[in-house]
């Protein structure tokens, strides 16, 4: 009767792309991610969506977010 829904939420797409960049070595440990405004423009997503994705990445232990500056760094060595 019903079929599996295949549409991802936008934040999940952002998470997947950042994870892929890490796995492919495009992001080096300790390097900064682009500024929030730049990421919003790159992904064509809202700031809220981007922040949700960054929180997920932080919970996974992939990035560290500095409070106040919204600066995110990839944290794995």
PDB file of N, CA and C in Angstrom:
ATOM      1  N   UNK A   1       0.818  -1.195   0.000  1.00  0.00           N
ATOM      2  CA  UNK A   1       0.000   0.000   0.000  1.00  0.00           C
ATOM      3  C   UNK A   1       0.867   1.267   0.000  1.00  0.00           C
ATOM      4  N   UNK A   2       1.819   1.339   0.924  1.00  0.00           N
ATOM      5  CA  UNK A   2       2.696   2.507   1.010  1.00  0.00           C
ATOM      6  C   UNK A   2       4.086   2.126   0.541  1.00  0.00           C
ATOM      7  N   UNK A   3       4.820   3.126   0.095  1.00  0.00           N
ATOM      8  CA  UNK A   3       6.196   2.912  -0.319  1.00  0.00           C
ATOM      9  C   UNK A   3       7.116   3.777   0.533  1.00  0.00           C
ATOM     10  N   UNK A   4       8.327   3.316   0.636  1.00  0.00           N
ATOM     11  CA  UNK A   4       9.337   4.046   1.410  1.00  0.00           C
ATOM     12  C   UNK A   4       9.560   5.429   0.829  1.00  0.00           C
ATOM     13  N   UNK A   5       9.607   6.398   1.702  1.00  0.00           N
ATOM     14  CA  UNK A   5       9.883   7.769   1.290  1.00  0.00           C
ATOM     15  C   UNK A   5      11.388   7.915   1.132  1.00  0.00           C
ATOM     16  N   UNK A   6      11.841   8.460   0.036  1.00  0.00           N
ATOM     17  CA  UNK A   6      13.282   8.563  -0.236  1.00  0.00           C
ATOM     18  C   UNK A   6      13.822   9.982  -0.126  1.00  0.00           C
ATOM     19  N   UNK A   7      12.965  10.915   0.106  1.00  0.00           N
ATOM     20  CA  UNK A   7      13.409  12.299   0.186  1.00  0.00           C
ATOM     21  C   UNK A   7      14.075  12.554   1.543  1.00  0.00           C
ATOM     22  N   UNK A   8      15.308  13.038   1.508  1.00  0.00           N
ATOM     23  CA  UNK A   8      16.025  13.382   2.728  1.00  0.00           C
ATOM     24  C   UNK A   8      15.682  14.792   3.144  1.00  0.00           C
ATOM     25  N   UNK A   9      15.894  15.051   4.407  1.00  0.00           N
ATOM     26  CA  UNK A   9      15.801  16.429   4.867  1.00  0.00           C
ATOM     27  C   UNK A   9      17.057  17.141   4.399  1.00  0.00           C
ATOM     28  N   UNK A  10      16.959  18.421   4.203  1.00  0.00           N
ATOM     29  CA  UNK A  10      18.086  19.197   3.688  1.00  0.00           C
ATOM     30  C   UNK A  10      19.294  19.085   4.613  1.00  0.00           C
ATOM     31  N   UNK A  11      19.076  19.156   5.921  1.00  0.00           N
ATOM     32  CA  UNK A  11      20.217  19.087   6.833  1.00  0.00           C
ATOM     33  C   UNK A  11      20.955  17.759   6.696  1.00  0.00           C
ATOM     34  N   UNK A  12      20.235  16.683   6.377  1.00  0.00           N
ATOM     35  CA  UNK A  12      20.875  15.385   6.196  1.00  0.00           C
ATOM     36  C   UNK A  12      21.780  15.388   4.967  1.00  0.00           C
ATOM     37  N   UNK A  13      21.382  16.113   3.936  1.00  0.00           N
ATOM     38  CA  UNK A  13      22.224  16.241   2.748  1.00  0.00           C
ATOM     39  C   UNK A  13      23.500  17.013   3.072  1.00  0.00           C
ATOM     40  N   UNK A  14      23.371  18.054   3.880  1.00  0.00           N
ATOM     41  CA  UNK A  14      24.543  18.837   4.286  1.00  0.00           C
ATOM     42  C   UNK A  14      25.489  17.953   5.097  1.00  0.00           C
ATOM     43  N   UNK A  15      24.945  17.212   6.053  1.00  0.00           N
ATOM     44  CA  UNK A  15      25.752  16.306   6.876  1.00  0.00           C
ATOM     45  C   UNK A  15      26.484  15.308   5.982  1.00  0.00           C
ATOM     46  N   UNK A  16      25.761  14.719   5.043  1.00  0.00           N
ATOM     47  CA  UNK A  16      26.358  13.718   4.151  1.00  0.00           C
ATOM     48  C   UNK A  16      27.495  14.306   3.323  1.00  0.00           C
ATOM     49  N   UNK A  17      27.325  15.528   2.821  1.00  0.00           N
ATOM     50  CA  UNK A  17      28.364  16.140   1.998  1.00  0.00           C
ATOM     51  C   UNK A  17      29.607  16.471   2.819  1.00  0.00           C
ATOM     52  N   UNK A  18      29.418  16.970   4.029  1.00  0.00           N
ATOM     53  CA  UNK A  18      30.575  17.297   4.873  1.00  0.00           C
ATOM     54  C   UNK A  18      31.287  16.010   5.286  1.00  0.00           C
ATOM     55  N   UNK A  19      30.527  14.985   5.663  1.00  0.00           N
ATOM     56  CA  UNK A  19      31.137  13.694   6.011  1.00  0.00           C
ATOM     57  C   UNK A  19      31.938  13.144   4.838  1.00  0.00           C
ATOM     58  N   UNK A  20      31.393  13.230   3.645  1.00  0.00           N
ATOM     59  CA  UNK A  20      32.083  12.732   2.452  1.00  0.00           C
ATOM     60  C   UNK A  20      33.383  13.503   2.218  1.00  0.00           C
ATOM     61  N   UNK A  21      33.343  14.824   2.413  1.00  0.00           N
ATOM     62  CA  UNK A  21      34.551  15.642   2.245  1.00  0.00           C
ATOM     63  C   UNK A  21      35.624  15.219   3.246  1.00  0.00           C
ATOM     64  N   UNK A  22      35.205  14.866   4.451  1.00  0.00           N
ATOM     65  CA  UNK A  22      36.154  14.403   5.465  1.00  0.00           C
ATOM     66  C   UNK A  22      36.740  13.060   5.057  1.00  0.00           C
ATOM     67  N   UNK A  23      35.878  12.135   4.655  1.00  0.00           N
ATOM     68  CA  UNK A  23      36.337  10.791   4.281  1.00  0.00           C
ATOM     69  C   UNK A  23      37.237  10.810   3.048  1.00  0.00           C
ATOM     70  N   UNK A  24      36.979  11.726   2.122  1.00  0.00           N
ATOM     71  CA  UNK A  24      37.778  11.829   0.904  1.00  0.00           C
ATOM     72  C   UNK A  24      39.071  12.617   1.121  1.00  0.00           C
ATOM     73  N   UNK A  25      39.256  13.151   2.319  1.00  0.00           N
ATOM     74  CA  UNK A  25      40.473  13.896   2.621  1.00  0.00           C
ATOM     75  C   UNK A  25      40.457  15.334   2.128  1.00  0.00           C
ATOM     76  N   UNK A  26      39.304  15.808   1.694  1.00  0.00           N
ATOM     77  CA  UNK A  26      39.199  17.198   1.231  1.00  0.00           C
ATOM     78  C   UNK A  26      39.254  18.173   2.403  1.00  0.00           C
ATOM     79  N   UNK A  27      38.853  17.718   3.586  1.00  0.00           N
ATOM     80  CA  UNK A  27      38.975  18.506   4.812  1.00  0.00           C
ATOM     81  C   UNK A  27      40.016  17.829   5.691  1.00  0.00           C
ATOM     82  N   UNK A  28      41.042  18.557   6.043  1.00  0.00           N
ATOM     83  CA  UNK A  28      42.109  18.017   6.884  1.00  0.00           C
ATOM     84  C   UNK A  28      41.777  18.267   8.355  1.00  0.00           C
ATOM     85  N   UNK A  29      42.236  17.396   9.233  1.00  0.00           N
ATOM     86  CA  UNK A  29      42.017  17.549  10.670  1.00  0.00           C
ATOM     87  C   UNK A  29      42.513  18.909  11.134  1.00  0.00           C
ATOM     88  N   UNK A  30      41.685  19.603  11.903  1.00  0.00           N
ATOM     89  CA  UNK A  30      42.045  20.913  12.430  1.00  0.00           C
ATOM     90  C   UNK A  30      41.742  22.065  11.494  1.00  0.00           C
ATOM     91  N   UNK A  31      41.381  21.784  10.256  1.00  0.00           N
ATOM     92  CA  UNK A  31      41.086  22.874   9.330  1.00  0.00           C
ATOM     93  C   UNK A  31      39.706  23.455   9.618  1.00  0.00           C
ATOM     94  N   UNK A  32      39.560  24.720   9.315  1.00  0.00           N
ATOM     95  CA  UNK A  32      38.289  25.402   9.535  1.00  0.00           C
ATOM     96  C   UNK A  32      37.349  25.151   8.369  1.00  0.00           C
ATOM     97  N   UNK A  33      36.098  25.023   8.708  1.00  0.00           N
ATOM     98  CA  UNK A  33      35.067  25.007   7.671  1.00  0.00           C
ATOM     99  C   UNK A  33      34.860  26.444   7.224  1.00  0.00           C
ATOM    100  N   UNK A  34      34.314  26.658   6.034  1.00  0.00           N
ATOM    101  CA  UNK A  34      34.010  28.027   5.621  1.00  0.00           C
ATOM    102  C   UNK A  34      33.049  28.688   6.617  1.00  0.00           C
ATOM    103  N   UNK A  35      32.992  30.002   6.588  1.00  0.00           N
ATOM    104  CA  UNK A  35      32.108  30.754   7.474  1.00  0.00           C
ATOM    105  C   UNK A  35      30.656  30.362   7.230  1.00  0.00           C
ATOM    106  N   UNK A  36      29.834  30.557   8.252  1.00  0.00           N
ATOM    107  CA  UNK A  36      28.422  30.184   8.171  1.00  0.00           C
ATOM    108  C   UNK A  36      27.738  30.793   6.950  1.00  0.00           C
ATOM    109  N   UNK A  37      27.950  32.065   6.711  1.00  0.00           N
ATOM    110  CA  UNK A  37      27.313  32.722   5.565  1.00  0.00           C
ATOM    111  C   UNK A  37      27.738  32.092   4.246  1.00  0.00           C
ATOM    112  N   UNK A  38      29.003  31.724   4.171  1.00  0.00           N
ATOM    113  CA  UNK A  38      29.505  31.091   2.954  1.00  0.00           C
ATOM    114  C   UNK A  38      28.877  29.701   2.763  1.00  0.00           C
ATOM    115  N   UNK A  39      28.772  28.944   3.848  1.00  0.00           N
ATOM    116  CA  UNK A  39      28.154  27.620   3.768  1.00  0.00           C
ATOM    117  C   UNK A  39      26.678  27.718   3.381  1.00  0.00           C
ATOM    118  N   UNK A  40      25.991  28.724   3.914  1.00  0.00           N
ATOM    119  CA  UNK A  40      24.582  28.942   3.549  1.00  0.00           C
ATOM    120  C   UNK A  40      24.469  29.165   2.043  1.00  0.00           C
ATOM    121  N   UNK A  41      25.373  29.957   1.492  1.00  0.00           N
ATOM    122  CA  UNK A  41      25.353  30.222   0.052  1.00  0.00           C
ATOM    123  C   UNK A  41      25.726  28.974  -0.757  1.00  0.00           C
ATOM    124  N   UNK A  42      26.708  28.231  -0.293  1.00  0.00           N
ATOM    125  CA  UNK A  42      27.149  27.026  -1.002  1.00  0.00           C
ATOM    126  C   UNK A  42      26.026  25.991  -1.062  1.00  0.00           C
ATOM    127  N   UNK A  43      25.393  25.734   0.087  1.00  0.00           N
ATOM    128  CA  UNK A  43      24.370  24.692   0.155  1.00  0.00           C
ATOM    129  C   UNK A  43      22.978  25.199  -0.243  1.00  0.00           C
ATOM    130  N   UNK A  44      22.842  26.528  -0.365  1.00  0.00           N
ATOM    131  CA  UNK A  44      21.535  27.127  -0.644  1.00  0.00           C
ATOM    132  C   UNK A  44      20.510  26.650   0.390  1.00  0.00           C
ATOM    133  N   UNK A  45      20.914  26.749   1.645  1.00  0.00           N
ATOM    134  CA  UNK A  45      20.085  26.319   2.766  1.00  0.00           C
ATOM    135  C   UNK A  45      19.964  27.473   3.760  1.00  0.00           C
ATOM    136  N   UNK A  46      18.991  27.391   4.625  1.00  0.00           N
ATOM    137  CA  UNK A  46      18.817  28.431   5.636  1.00  0.00           C
ATOM    138  C   UNK A  46      19.874  28.283   6.730  1.00  0.00           C
ATOM    139  N   UNK A  47      20.054  29.345   7.505  1.00  0.00           N
ATOM    140  CA  UNK A  47      21.007  29.292   8.613  1.00  0.00           C
ATOM    141  C   UNK A  47      20.585  28.242   9.635  1.00  0.00           C
ATOM    142  N   UNK A  48      19.276  28.141   9.881  1.00  0.00           N
ATOM    143  CA  UNK A  48      18.772  27.143  10.820  1.00  0.00           C
ATOM    144  C   UNK A  48      19.087  25.728  10.372  1.00  0.00           C
ATOM    145  N   UNK A  49      18.914  25.475   9.085  1.00  0.00           N
ATOM    146  CA  UNK A  49      19.218  24.159   8.522  1.00  0.00           C
ATOM    147  C   UNK A  49      20.700  23.862   8.654  1.00  0.00           C
ATOM    148  N   UNK A  50      21.532  24.839   8.336  1.00  0.00           N
ATOM    149  CA  UNK A  50      22.979  24.657   8.440  1.00  0.00           C
ATOM    150  C   UNK A  50      23.381  24.385   9.886  1.00  0.00           C
ATOM    151  N   UNK A  51      22.823  25.135  10.798  1.00  0.00           N
ATOM    152  CA  UNK A  51      23.158  24.951  12.213  1.00  0.00           C
ATOM    153  C   UNK A  51      22.740  23.571  12.710  1.00  0.00           C
ATOM    154  N   UNK A  52      21.595  23.089  12.240  1.00  0.00           N
ATOM    155  CA  UNK A  52      21.152  21.745  12.602  1.00  0.00           C
ATOM    156  C   UNK A  52      22.156  20.705  12.102  1.00  0.00           C
ATOM    157  N   UNK A  53      22.620  20.881  10.871  1.00  0.00           N
ATOM    158  CA  UNK A  53      23.605  19.958  10.305  1.00  0.00           C
ATOM    159  C   UNK A  53      24.911  20.009  11.097  1.00  0.00           C
ATOM    160  N   UNK A  54      25.351  21.196  11.464  1.00  0.00           N
ATOM    161  CA  UNK A  54      26.591  21.329  12.233  1.00  0.00           C
ATOM    162  C   UNK A  54      26.465  20.672  13.601  1.00  0.00           C
ATOM    163  N   UNK A  55      25.291  20.790  14.222  1.00  0.00           N
ATOM    164  CA  UNK A  55      25.078  20.127  15.513  1.00  0.00           C
ATOM    165  C   UNK A  55      25.163  18.607  15.375  1.00  0.00           C
ATOM    166  N   UNK A  56      24.586  18.075  14.301  1.00  0.00           N
ATOM    167  CA  UNK A  56      24.654  16.629  14.066  1.00  0.00           C
ATOM    168  C   UNK A  56      26.109  16.201  13.880  1.00  0.00           C
ATOM    169  N   UNK A  57      26.856  16.965  13.091  1.00  0.00           N
ATOM    170  CA  UNK A  57      28.264  16.646  12.863  1.00  0.00           C
ATOM    171  C   UNK A  57      29.064  16.718  14.157  1.00  0.00           C
ATOM    172  N   UNK A  58      28.714  17.673  15.009  1.00  0.00           N
ATOM    173  CA  UNK A  58      29.395  17.793  16.300  1.00  0.00           C
ATOM    174  C   UNK A  58      29.051  16.594  17.186  1.00  0.00           C
ATOM    175  N   UNK A  59      27.788  16.180  17.200  1.00  0.00           N
ATOM    176  CA  UNK A  59      27.374  15.022  17.992  1.00  0.00           C
ATOM    177  C   UNK A  59      28.066  13.746  17.520  1.00  0.00           C
ATOM    178  N   UNK A  60      28.347  13.670  16.236  1.00  0.00           N
ATOM    179  CA  UNK A  60      29.052  12.512  15.682  1.00  0.00           C
ATOM    180  C   UNK A  60      30.544  12.563  15.977  1.00  0.00           C
ATOM    181  N   UNK A  61      31.008  13.668  16.543  1.00  0.00           N
ATOM    182  CA  UNK A  61      32.417  13.814  16.861  1.00  0.00           C
ATOM    183  C   UNK A  61      33.275  14.200  15.675  1.00  0.00           C
ATOM    184  N   UNK A  62      32.642  14.683  14.609  1.00  0.00           N
ATOM    185  CA  UNK A  62      33.397  15.038  13.410  1.00  0.00           C
ATOM    186  C   UNK A  62      33.906  16.472  13.426  1.00  0.00           C
ATOM    187  N   UNK A  63      33.185  17.371  14.093  1.00  0.00           N
ATOM    188  CA  UNK A  63      33.619  18.763  14.169  1.00  0.00           C
ATOM    189  C   UNK A  63      33.473  19.274  15.595  1.00  0.00           C
ATOM    190  N   UNK A  64      34.166  20.353  15.883  1.00  0.00           N
ATOM    191  CA  UNK A  64      34.013  21.084  17.142  1.00  0.00           C
ATOM    192  C   UNK A  64      33.491  22.465  16.785  1.00  0.00           C
ATOM    193  N   UNK A  65      32.483  22.919  17.508  1.00  0.00           N
ATOM    194  CA  UNK A  65      31.936  24.255  17.271  1.00  0.00           C
ATOM    195  C   UNK A  65      32.285  25.110  18.471  1.00  0.00           C
ATOM    196  N   UNK A  66      32.894  26.261  18.207  1.00  0.00           N
ATOM    197  CA  UNK A  66      33.210  27.196  19.277  1.00  0.00           C
ATOM    198  C   UNK A  66      31.991  28.075  19.511  1.00  0.00           C
ATOM    199  N   UNK A  67      31.520  28.110  20.741  1.00  0.00           N
ATOM    200  CA  UNK A  67      30.345  28.891  21.101  1.00  0.00           C
ATOM    201  C   UNK A  67      30.617  30.373  20.896  1.00  0.00           C
ATOM    202  N   UNK A  68      29.636  31.046  20.328  1.00  0.00           N
ATOM    203  CA  UNK A  68      29.733  32.488  20.128  1.00  0.00           C
ATOM    204  C   UNK A  68      30.229  32.856  18.751  1.00  0.00           C
ATOM    205  N   UNK A  69      31.237  32.188  18.274  1.00  0.00           N
ATOM    206  CA  UNK A  69      31.799  32.551  16.979  1.00  0.00           C
ATOM    207  C   UNK A  69      31.201  31.738  15.841  1.00  0.00           C
ATOM    208  N   UNK A  70      30.496  30.659  16.156  1.00  0.00           N
ATOM    209  CA  UNK A  70      29.954  29.728  15.162  1.00  0.00           C
ATOM    210  C   UNK A  70      31.053  29.158  14.281  1.00  0.00           C
ATOM    211  N   UNK A  71      32.262  29.179  14.815  1.00  0.00           N
ATOM    212  CA  UNK A  71      33.394  28.617  14.080  1.00  0.00           C
ATOM    213  C   UNK A  71      33.382  27.106  14.255  1.00  0.00           C
ATOM    214  N   UNK A  72      33.506  26.407  13.163  1.00  0.00           N
ATOM    215  CA  UNK A  72      33.515  24.945  13.223  1.00  0.00           C
ATOM    216  C   UNK A  72      34.826  24.441  12.652  1.00  0.00           C
ATOM    217  N   UNK A  73      35.373  23.455  13.320  1.00  0.00           N
ATOM    218  CA  UNK A  73      36.603  22.812  12.857  1.00  0.00           C
ATOM    219  C   UNK A  73      36.381  21.323  12.815  1.00  0.00           C
ATOM    220  N   UNK A  74      36.995  20.691  11.832  1.00  0.00           N
ATOM    221  CA  UNK A  74      36.969  19.233  11.771  1.00  0.00           C
ATOM    222  C   UNK A  74      37.942  18.758  12.816  1.00  0.00           C
ATOM    223  N   UNK A  75      37.501  17.856  13.692  1.00  0.00           N
ATOM    224  CA  UNK A  75      38.287  17.537  14.869  1.00  0.00           C
ATOM    225  C   UNK A  75      39.019  16.216  14.849  1.00  0.00           C
ATOM    226  N   UNK A  76      38.733  15.305  13.941  1.00  0.00           N
ATOM    227  CA  UNK A  76      39.395  14.004  13.956  1.00  0.00           C
ATOM    228  C   UNK A  76      40.839  14.119  13.537  1.00  0.00           C
ATOM    229  N   UNK A  77      41.668  13.254  14.125  1.00  0.00           N
ATOM    230  CA  UNK A  77      43.093  13.261  13.746  1.00  0.00           C
ATOM    231  C   UNK A  77      43.405  12.034  12.949  1.00  0.00           C
TER     232      UNK A  77
END
